[in-house]
């Protein structure tokens, strides 16, 4: 019998060997090792959490939060380490999305007969 979790763990291990993952790892380390970038990243992360929480609770985006977000976003756009991190993150996310599509294709294919 196949243990699908072994396969999933192998995919996770393989992901870490990809150039895209290594680029992300380097970008994360660059942010960690730059005090300004690390502080800015933490601020951005906290701001995004506030926004997500506000949206999930069905509340409107607070005006003061919107202004703070704009100012923070301007700083982020000028920070090369964070920009590189975000680009590397997108590349890894694209790979994960492609793998997820491949994994879920058999389930999607099962429903094709019901949809057509």
Protein backbone atom coordinates (compact mmCIF):
# COMPACT_ATOMS: atom_id res chain seq x y z
CA UNK A 1 0.00 0.00 0.00
CA UNK A 2 1.25 3.47 -0.87
CA UNK A 3 1.82 5.98 1.90
CA UNK A 4 0.98 9.29 0.24
CA UNK A 5 2.55 11.19 3.14
CA UNK A 6 5.95 9.73 2.25
CA UNK A 7 5.48 11.13 -1.23
CA UNK A 8 4.45 14.51 0.17
CA UNK A 9 7.52 14.58 2.40
CA UNK A 10 9.66 13.76 -0.63
CA UNK A 11 8.10 16.63 -2.57
CA UNK A 12 8.88 18.94 0.38
CA UNK A 13 12.49 17.73 0.41
CA UNK A 14 12.74 18.18 -3.36
CA UNK A 15 11.32 21.69 -3.10
CA UNK A 16 14.22 22.65 -0.85
CA UNK A 17 16.66 21.58 -3.56
CA UNK A 18 15.21 23.89 -6.22
CA UNK A 19 17.03 27.04 -7.29
CA UNK A 20 13.87 29.02 -6.55
CA UNK A 21 13.84 27.81 -2.95
CA UNK A 22 17.54 28.53 -2.52
CA UNK A 23 16.98 32.04 -3.88
CA UNK A 24 14.18 32.54 -1.34
CA UNK A 25 16.38 31.22 1.45
CA UNK A 26 19.14 33.65 0.47
CA UNK A 27 16.66 36.52 0.27
CA UNK A 28 15.23 35.72 3.72
CA UNK A 29 18.75 35.62 5.17
CA UNK A 30 19.59 38.96 3.53
CA UNK A 31 16.53 40.54 5.18
CA UNK A 32 17.38 38.94 8.54
CA UNK A 33 20.93 40.27 8.36
CA UNK A 34 19.90 43.85 7.59
CA UNK A 35 18.38 45.54 10.62
CA UNK A 36 16.44 48.11 8.60
CA UNK A 37 15.04 45.48 6.23
CA UNK A 38 14.15 43.13 9.08
CA UNK A 39 12.31 45.87 10.97
CA UNK A 40 10.49 46.96 7.82
CA UNK A 41 9.52 43.36 7.04
CA UNK A 42 8.10 42.88 10.54
CA UNK A 43 6.10 46.10 10.22
CA UNK A 44 4.76 44.98 6.84
CA UNK A 45 3.86 41.55 8.21
CA UNK A 46 2.02 43.06 11.18
CA UNK A 47 0.16 45.48 8.90
CA UNK A 48 -0.94 42.67 6.60
CA UNK A 49 -2.16 40.67 9.59
CA UNK A 50 -4.24 43.64 10.75
CA UNK A 51 -5.72 44.04 7.27
CA UNK A 52 -6.54 40.33 6.95
CA UNK A 53 -8.10 40.26 10.42
CA UNK A 54 -10.17 43.34 9.64
CA UNK A 55 -11.40 41.83 6.38
CA UNK A 56 -12.16 38.43 7.91
CA UNK A 57 -14.29 40.14 10.56
CA UNK A 58 -16.21 41.98 7.84
CA UNK A 59 -14.99 45.39 8.90
CA UNK A 60 -14.12 48.17 6.49
CA UNK A 61 -10.51 49.07 5.98
CA UNK A 62 -9.84 51.77 8.64
CA UNK A 63 -8.75 55.10 7.11
CA UNK A 64 -5.81 55.50 9.51
CA UNK A 65 -4.65 51.99 8.64
CA UNK A 66 -4.96 52.79 4.95
CA UNK A 67 -2.67 55.82 5.29
CA UNK A 68 -0.17 53.84 7.36
CA UNK A 69 -0.24 51.09 4.75
CA UNK A 70 0.52 53.54 1.94
CA UNK A 71 3.49 54.99 3.83
CA UNK A 72 4.81 51.55 4.71
CA UNK A 73 4.37 50.34 1.15
CA UNK A 74 6.43 53.28 -0.13
CA UNK A 75 9.27 52.29 2.19
CA UNK A 76 9.02 48.64 1.16
CA UNK A 77 9.19 49.57 -2.54
CA UNK A 78 12.54 51.27 -1.87
CA UNK A 79 14.08 48.34 0.02
CA UNK A 80 16.04 46.08 -2.31
CA UNK A 81 16.30 43.17 0.17
CA UNK A 82 12.55 43.00 0.69
CA UNK A 83 11.84 43.38 -3.02
CA UNK A 84 14.16 40.48 -3.77
CA UNK A 85 12.49 38.44 -1.03
CA UNK A 86 9.04 39.11 -2.48
CA UNK A 87 10.18 38.18 -5.99
CA UNK A 88 11.77 34.97 -4.74
CA UNK A 89 8.64 34.18 -2.74
CA UNK A 90 6.51 34.57 -5.87
CA UNK A 91 8.72 32.12 -7.77
CA UNK A 92 8.41 29.50 -5.02
CA UNK A 93 4.66 30.10 -4.76
CA UNK A 94 4.31 29.56 -8.52
CA UNK A 95 6.13 26.24 -8.25
CA UNK A 96 3.92 25.16 -5.33
CA UNK A 97 0.82 26.19 -7.28
CA UNK A 98 1.94 24.11 -10.27
CA UNK A 99 2.58 21.09 -8.03
CA UNK A 100 -0.80 21.54 -6.34
CA UNK A 101 -2.51 21.55 -9.75
CA UNK A 102 -0.74 18.32 -10.67
CA UNK A 103 -1.74 16.70 -7.38
CA UNK A 104 -5.39 17.74 -7.58
CA UNK A 105 -5.81 16.96 -11.30
CA UNK A 106 -7.07 13.39 -10.68
CA UNK A 107 -9.82 14.74 -8.40
CA UNK A 108 -10.75 17.41 -10.91
CA UNK A 109 -10.81 14.82 -13.68
CA UNK A 110 -13.31 12.74 -11.69
CA UNK A 111 -15.82 15.59 -11.88
CA UNK A 112 -15.44 16.19 -15.61
CA UNK A 113 -18.22 13.74 -16.42
CA UNK A 114 -20.60 15.53 -14.08
CA UNK A 115 -19.84 18.97 -15.47
CA UNK A 116 -20.17 18.17 -19.15
